[in-house]
Amino acid sequence: MGKLNSILADECGQGMVEYGLIVGLIAAVVAIILMTMSSRLTGVYSNLNNQIP
């Protein structure tokens, strides 16, 4: 029982999990921003393409 308690009390990987969650949240926010801005970006690139001879 003592070994099980020491395994459950070990918090070595906790920091990495938190960093992983933060990176995942940032990636999700960037993906949402890109999805909402996709029509505007398409228009900008279409205009640039039409102006270049």
C-alpha atoms as a PDB file:
ATOM      1  CA  MET A   1       0.000   0.000   0.000  1.00  0.00           C
ATOM      2  CA  GLY A   2       2.907   2.347   0.677  1.00  0.00           C
ATOM      3  CA  LYS A   3       4.238   1.923  -2.862  1.00  0.00           C
ATOM      4  CA  LEU A   4       0.807   2.722  -4.350  1.00  0.00           C
ATOM      5  CA  ASN A   5       0.585   5.899  -2.260  1.00  0.00           C
ATOM      6  CA  SER A   6       4.052   6.988  -3.393  1.00  0.00           C
ATOM      7  CA  ILE A   7       3.102   6.427  -7.053  1.00  0.00           C
ATOM      8  CA  LEU A   8      -0.120   8.408  -6.653  1.00  0.00           C
ATOM      9  CA  ALA A   9       1.677  11.224  -4.811  1.00  0.00           C
ATOM     10  CA  ASP A  10       4.391  11.542  -7.502  1.00  0.00           C
ATOM     11  CA  GLU A  11       3.883  14.769  -9.485  1.00  0.00           C
ATOM     12  CA  CYS A  12       6.881  14.635 -11.839  1.00  0.00           C
ATOM     13  CA  GLY A  13       4.815  14.574 -15.039  1.00  0.00           C
ATOM     14  CA  GLN A  14       2.323  17.198 -13.926  1.00  0.00           C
ATOM     15  CA  GLY A  15       4.275  20.120 -15.397  1.00  0.00           C
ATOM     16  CA  MET A  16       4.576  18.480 -18.804  1.00  0.00           C
ATOM     17  CA  VAL A  17       0.845  17.761 -18.880  1.00  0.00           C
ATOM     18  CA  GLU A  18       0.106  21.390 -18.087  1.00  0.00           C
ATOM     19  CA  TYR A  19       2.428  22.578 -20.860  1.00  0.00           C
ATOM     20  CA  GLY A  20       0.771  20.132 -23.242  1.00  0.00           C
ATOM     21  CA  LEU A  21      -2.673  21.483 -22.358  1.00  0.00           C
ATOM     22  CA  ILE A  22      -1.515  25.069 -22.886  1.00  0.00           C
ATOM     23  CA  VAL A  23       0.002  24.222 -26.286  1.00  0.00           C
ATOM     24  CA  GLY A  24      -3.200  22.399 -27.253  1.00  0.00           C
ATOM     25  CA  LEU A  25      -5.317  25.377 -26.237  1.00  0.00           C
ATOM     26  CA  ILE A  26      -3.146  27.770 -28.233  1.00  0.00           C
ATOM     27  CA  ALA A  27      -3.337  25.481 -31.283  1.00  0.00           C
ATOM     28  CA  ALA A  28      -7.135  25.322 -30.998  1.00  0.00           C
ATOM     29  CA  VAL A  29      -7.410  29.125 -30.774  1.00  0.00           C
ATOM     30  CA  VAL A  30      -5.161  29.579 -33.821  1.00  0.00           C
ATOM     31  CA  ALA A  31      -7.216  27.027 -35.777  1.00  0.00           C
ATOM     32  CA  ILE A  32     -10.463  28.805 -34.883  1.00  0.00           C
ATOM     33  CA  ILE A  33      -9.017  32.182 -35.892  1.00  0.00           C
ATOM     34  CA  LEU A  34      -7.821  30.793 -39.217  1.00  0.00           C
ATOM     35  CA  MET A  35     -11.216  29.213 -39.922  1.00  0.00           C
ATOM     36  CA  THR A  36     -13.054  32.467 -39.237  1.00  0.00           C
ATOM     37  CA  MET A  37     -10.596  34.523 -41.279  1.00  0.00           C
ATOM     38  CA  SER A  38     -10.368  32.105 -44.227  1.00  0.00           C
ATOM     39  CA  SER A  39     -12.792  33.987 -46.482  1.00  0.00           C
ATOM     40  CA  ARG A  40     -10.975  37.277 -45.905  1.00  0.00           C
ATOM     41  CA  LEU A  41      -7.603  35.681 -46.541  1.00  0.00           C
ATOM     42  CA  THR A  42      -8.894  34.081 -49.731  1.00  0.00           C
ATOM     43  CA  GLY A  43     -10.043  37.490 -50.946  1.00  0.00           C
ATOM     44  CA  VAL A  44      -6.703  39.098 -50.149  1.00  0.00           C
ATOM     45  CA  TYR A  45      -4.747  36.417 -51.993  1.00  0.00           C
ATOM     46  CA  SER A  46      -7.151  36.539 -54.960  1.00  0.00           C
ATOM     47  CA  ASN A  47      -6.677  40.305 -55.234  1.00  0.00           C
ATOM     48  CA  LEU A  48      -2.909  39.932 -55.060  1.00  0.00           C
ATOM     49  CA  ASN A  49      -2.983  37.215 -57.700  1.00  0.00           C
ATOM     50  CA  ASN A  50      -5.062  39.378 -60.032  1.00  0.00           C
ATOM     51  CA  GLN A  51      -2.753  42.386 -59.629  1.00  0.00           C
ATOM     52  CA  ILE A  52       0.443  40.491 -60.423  1.00  0.00           C
ATOM     53  CA  PRO A  53       0.983  40.324 -64.194  1.00  0.00           C
END
